[in-house]
């Protein structure tokens, strides 16, 4: 009998194609997001984390979830997913269904202007993060980038306190480049890097504007 060290181990294949690999990776990301978001929601309910720390963390997790869902290319029932993997995350599932942090959802409704601004800021941050994550994951086809960029521009337009260069710079790229491309045509490496650079700079300026 051969020593155990020399026994050949049979490789177990988890996927047979790149598409299956991407789907498994996206599902693992969604699993991790659900776990993290459930802990965050429970901490916020217990007042173990304040609104200033909770809101950006929640916005980022929601945006990451949207990016992971884009990679699946098919619907996912979170209730069924959580049951299949024996997860207990009702607060996370509810938060993802609502799409905004609890701190925004429960803003004083008597102050309509303040509530609207907070909601628009939260959704704009989500659009920024989703677009940046998508570019980093090499999702660079015109029909992948165009709707994300359009959502971001529409959201920025709702924030009247921003200077015009926010919308103008992003619109310029969209109108000049994306609208000339076929749906299945992809940005080249230089174009995608430049777009990511512009988006990251705009995001940094956007976050700084919130502090003034």
Protein backbone atom coordinates (compact mmCIF):
# COMPACT_ATOMS: atom_id res chain seq x y z
CA UNK A 1 0.00 0.00 0.00
CA UNK A 2 1.28 3.44 -0.88
CA UNK A 3 1.95 5.92 1.93
CA UNK A 4 -0.82 8.46 2.41
CA UNK A 5 1.48 11.26 1.26
CA UNK A 6 1.72 9.68 -2.18
CA UNK A 7 -1.98 9.02 -2.66
CA UNK A 8 -3.33 11.08 -5.52
CA UNK A 9 -6.14 13.35 -4.44
CA UNK A 10 -9.05 13.71 -6.80
CA UNK A 11 -9.76 17.30 -7.73
CA UNK A 12 -13.33 18.41 -7.10
CA UNK A 13 -14.57 20.86 -9.73
CA UNK A 14 -17.01 23.44 -8.45
CA UNK A 15 -17.77 24.83 -11.89
CA UNK A 16 -17.42 23.92 -15.57
CA UNK A 17 -17.36 27.39 -17.11
CA UNK A 18 -16.36 30.97 -16.44
CA UNK A 19 -20.05 31.89 -16.15
CA UNK A 20 -20.59 29.30 -13.42
CA UNK A 21 -17.48 30.52 -11.60
CA UNK A 22 -18.69 34.13 -11.73
CA UNK A 23 -22.10 33.08 -10.44
CA UNK A 24 -20.60 31.16 -7.51
CA UNK A 25 -18.36 34.10 -6.64
CA UNK A 26 -21.34 36.48 -6.77
CA UNK A 27 -23.39 34.18 -4.53
CA UNK A 28 -20.54 34.01 -2.02
CA UNK A 29 -20.38 37.82 -2.02
CA UNK A 30 -24.13 38.03 -1.42
CA UNK A 31 -23.82 35.55 1.46
CA UNK A 32 -21.10 37.69 3.07
CA UNK A 33 -23.11 40.88 2.52
CA UNK A 34 -26.19 39.37 4.19
CA UNK A 35 -24.15 38.31 7.22
CA UNK A 36 -22.46 41.71 7.56
CA UNK A 37 -25.67 43.68 7.00
CA UNK A 38 -27.61 41.60 9.53
CA UNK A 39 -24.98 42.34 12.17
CA UNK A 40 -25.00 46.03 11.27
CA UNK A 41 -28.80 46.27 11.45
CA UNK A 42 -28.91 44.54 14.83
CA UNK A 43 -26.13 46.79 16.16
CA UNK A 44 -28.03 49.88 15.00
CA UNK A 45 -31.25 48.66 16.64
CA UNK A 46 -29.36 48.12 19.92
CA UNK A 47 -27.84 51.60 19.59
CA UNK A 48 -24.40 49.97 19.58
CA UNK A 49 -23.49 52.00 16.49
CA UNK A 50 -24.53 55.60 15.87
CA UNK A 51 -26.15 56.97 12.74
CA UNK A 52 -22.95 58.61 11.47
CA UNK A 53 -21.17 55.25 11.39
CA UNK A 54 -24.20 53.16 10.41
CA UNK A 55 -25.39 55.12 7.37
CA UNK A 56 -22.25 54.99 5.16
CA UNK A 57 -21.59 51.35 6.10
CA UNK A 58 -25.16 50.40 5.20
CA UNK A 59 -25.08 52.37 1.94
CA UNK A 60 -21.86 50.59 0.92
CA UNK A 61 -23.29 47.13 1.63
CA UNK A 62 -26.46 47.88 -0.34
CA UNK A 63 -24.37 49.11 -3.27
CA UNK A 64 -22.14 46.02 -3.13
CA UNK A 65 -25.25 43.84 -3.13
CA UNK A 66 -26.50 45.55 -6.29
CA UNK A 67 -23.14 44.99 -7.97
CA UNK A 68 -23.16 41.30 -7.03
CA UNK A 69 -26.71 40.95 -8.35
CA UNK A 70 -25.60 42.44 -11.68
CA UNK A 71 -23.02 39.65 -11.93
CA UNK A 72 -25.67 36.96 -11.48
CA UNK A 73 -27.60 37.96 -14.62
CA UNK A 74 -30.69 36.30 -13.13
CA UNK A 75 -33.16 36.95 -10.29
CA UNK A 76 -32.38 35.73 -6.79
CA UNK A 77 -34.99 35.11 -4.09
CA UNK A 78 -33.21 36.16 -0.90
CA UNK A 79 -35.72 34.39 1.35
CA UNK A 80 -35.15 31.12 -0.49
CA UNK A 81 -31.39 31.74 -0.59
CA UNK A 82 -31.24 32.27 3.18
CA UNK A 83 -33.28 29.12 3.83
CA UNK A 84 -31.11 27.04 1.51
CA UNK A 85 -27.94 28.08 3.33
CA UNK A 86 -29.56 28.08 6.80
CA UNK A 87 -29.10 31.80 7.36
CA UNK A 88 -31.03 33.89 9.86
CA UNK A 89 -30.94 37.40 8.42
CA UNK A 90 -34.45 38.90 8.26
CA UNK A 91 -33.24 42.43 9.03
CA UNK A 92 -30.69 42.32 6.21
CA UNK A 93 -33.24 41.02 3.69
CA UNK A 94 -35.70 43.74 4.67
CA UNK A 95 -33.02 46.44 4.39
CA UNK A 96 -32.01 45.26 0.91
CA UNK A 97 -35.66 45.21 -0.16
CA UNK A 98 -36.15 48.80 1.04
CA UNK A 99 -32.88 49.90 -0.56
CA UNK A 100 -31.90 52.71 1.83
CA UNK A 101 -30.48 52.77 5.39
CA UNK A 102 -32.89 52.85 8.33
CA UNK A 103 -31.51 56.27 9.26
CA UNK A 104 -32.84 57.58 5.94
CA UNK A 105 -36.04 55.53 5.94
CA UNK A 106 -37.10 56.85 9.33
CA UNK A 107 -36.14 60.50 8.83
CA UNK A 108 -38.69 62.87 10.31
CA UNK A 109 -41.40 62.93 7.64
CA UNK A 110 -42.64 66.34 8.85
CA UNK A 111 -39.46 67.86 7.41
CA UNK A 112 -40.07 66.85 3.80
CA UNK A 113 -37.13 68.80 2.36
CA UNK A 114 -34.63 67.31 4.82
CA UNK A 115 -35.97 63.79 4.31
CA UNK A 116 -35.81 64.14 0.52
CA UNK A 117 -32.22 65.44 0.62
CA UNK A 118 -31.04 62.62 2.89
CA UNK A 119 -32.73 60.03 0.68
CA UNK A 120 -31.19 61.48 -2.49
CA UNK A 121 -27.73 61.65 -0.91
CA UNK A 122 -27.93 58.00 0.20
CA UNK A 123 -29.07 56.75 -3.20
CA UNK A 124 -26.43 58.86 -4.98
CA UNK A 125 -23.68 57.31 -2.86
CA UNK A 126 -25.06 53.87 -3.76
CA UNK A 127 -24.95 54.69 -7.47
CA UNK A 128 -21.37 55.93 -7.19
CA UNK A 129 -20.20 52.78 -5.38
CA UNK A 130 -22.12 50.42 -7.69
CA UNK A 131 -20.62 52.03 -10.79
CA UNK A 132 -17.07 52.04 -9.39
CA UNK A 133 -17.32 48.41 -8.26
CA UNK A 134 -18.72 47.38 -11.65
CA UNK A 135 -15.81 48.99 -13.49
CA UNK A 136 -13.32 47.34 -11.13
CA UNK A 137 -14.98 43.98 -11.91
CA UNK A 138 -14.44 44.66 -15.62
CA UNK A 139 -18.13 45.10 -16.39
CA UNK A 140 -17.36 47.45 -19.27
CA UNK A 141 -19.95 46.69 -21.97
CA UNK A 142 -22.03 49.68 -23.05
CA UNK A 143 -25.29 48.07 -21.93
CA UNK A 144 -23.76 47.41 -18.49
CA UNK A 145 -22.29 50.87 -17.90
CA UNK A 146 -24.89 53.10 -19.56
CA UNK A 147 -27.80 52.42 -17.14
CA UNK A 148 -25.54 52.74 -14.08
CA UNK A 149 -24.11 56.03 -15.28
CA UNK A 150 -27.57 57.32 -16.23
CA UNK A 151 -28.93 56.51 -12.77
CA UNK A 152 -26.02 58.35 -11.18
CA UNK A 153 -26.51 61.45 -13.33
CA UNK A 154 -30.26 61.55 -12.65
CA UNK A 155 -29.59 61.22 -8.92
CA UNK A 156 -26.95 63.97 -8.98
CA UNK A 157 -29.40 66.27 -10.77
CA UNK A 158 -31.77 65.98 -7.81
CA UNK A 159 -29.15 67.46 -5.46
CA UNK A 160 -29.40 71.18 -6.11
CA UNK A 161 -26.54 72.14 -3.79
CA UNK A 162 -23.93 70.56 -6.09
CA UNK A 163 -21.91 72.62 -8.60
CA UNK A 164 -22.78 72.00 -12.28
CA UNK A 165 -19.46 70.30 -13.11
CA UNK A 166 -20.58 67.13 -11.33
CA UNK A 167 -23.31 66.36 -13.85
CA UNK A 168 -21.58 68.01 -16.80
CA UNK A 169 -18.40 65.93 -16.66
CA UNK A 170 -20.22 62.61 -16.40
CA UNK A 171 -22.81 63.56 -19.03
CA UNK A 172 -20.06 64.50 -21.45
CA UNK A 173 -18.52 61.05 -21.28
CA UNK A 174 -21.89 59.32 -21.57
CA UNK A 175 -23.10 61.36 -24.54
CA UNK A 176 -19.85 61.39 -26.49
CA UNK A 177 -18.72 57.82 -25.88
CA UNK A 178 -21.41 55.42 -24.68
CA UNK A 179 -24.16 56.66 -26.98
CA UNK A 180 -21.95 55.94 -29.99
CA UNK A 181 -21.32 52.34 -28.94
CA UNK A 182 -23.30 49.20 -29.70
CA UNK A 183 -24.94 47.54 -26.70
CA UNK A 184 -22.43 44.67 -26.69
CA UNK A 185 -19.40 46.87 -27.43
CA UNK A 186 -16.92 47.23 -24.56
CA UNK A 187 -14.82 50.12 -23.35
CA UNK A 188 -11.15 49.54 -23.94
CA UNK A 189 -8.67 49.51 -21.06
CA UNK A 190 -7.81 53.18 -21.44
CA UNK A 191 -11.46 54.27 -21.57
CA UNK A 192 -12.50 52.20 -18.56
CA UNK A 193 -9.54 53.44 -16.50
CA UNK A 194 -10.33 57.04 -17.42
CA UNK A 195 -14.00 56.62 -16.54
CA UNK A 196 -13.14 55.01 -13.21
CA UNK A 197 -10.68 57.84 -12.52
CA UNK A 198 -13.35 60.46 -13.30
CA UNK A 199 -15.98 58.69 -11.19
CA UNK A 200 -13.63 58.30 -8.21
CA UNK A 201 -12.64 61.98 -8.39
CA UNK A 202 -16.28 63.03 -8.61
CA UNK A 203 -17.14 60.77 -5.68
CA UNK A 204 -14.39 62.31 -3.55
CA UNK A 205 -15.60 65.81 -4.42
CA UNK A 206 -19.16 64.74 -3.70
CA UNK A 207 -18.33 63.41 -0.23
CA UNK A 208 -16.34 66.58 0.55
CA UNK A 209 -19.30 68.72 -0.51
CA UNK A 210 -21.45 66.97 2.11
CA UNK A 211 -19.12 68.21 4.84
CA UNK A 212 -19.35 71.88 3.88
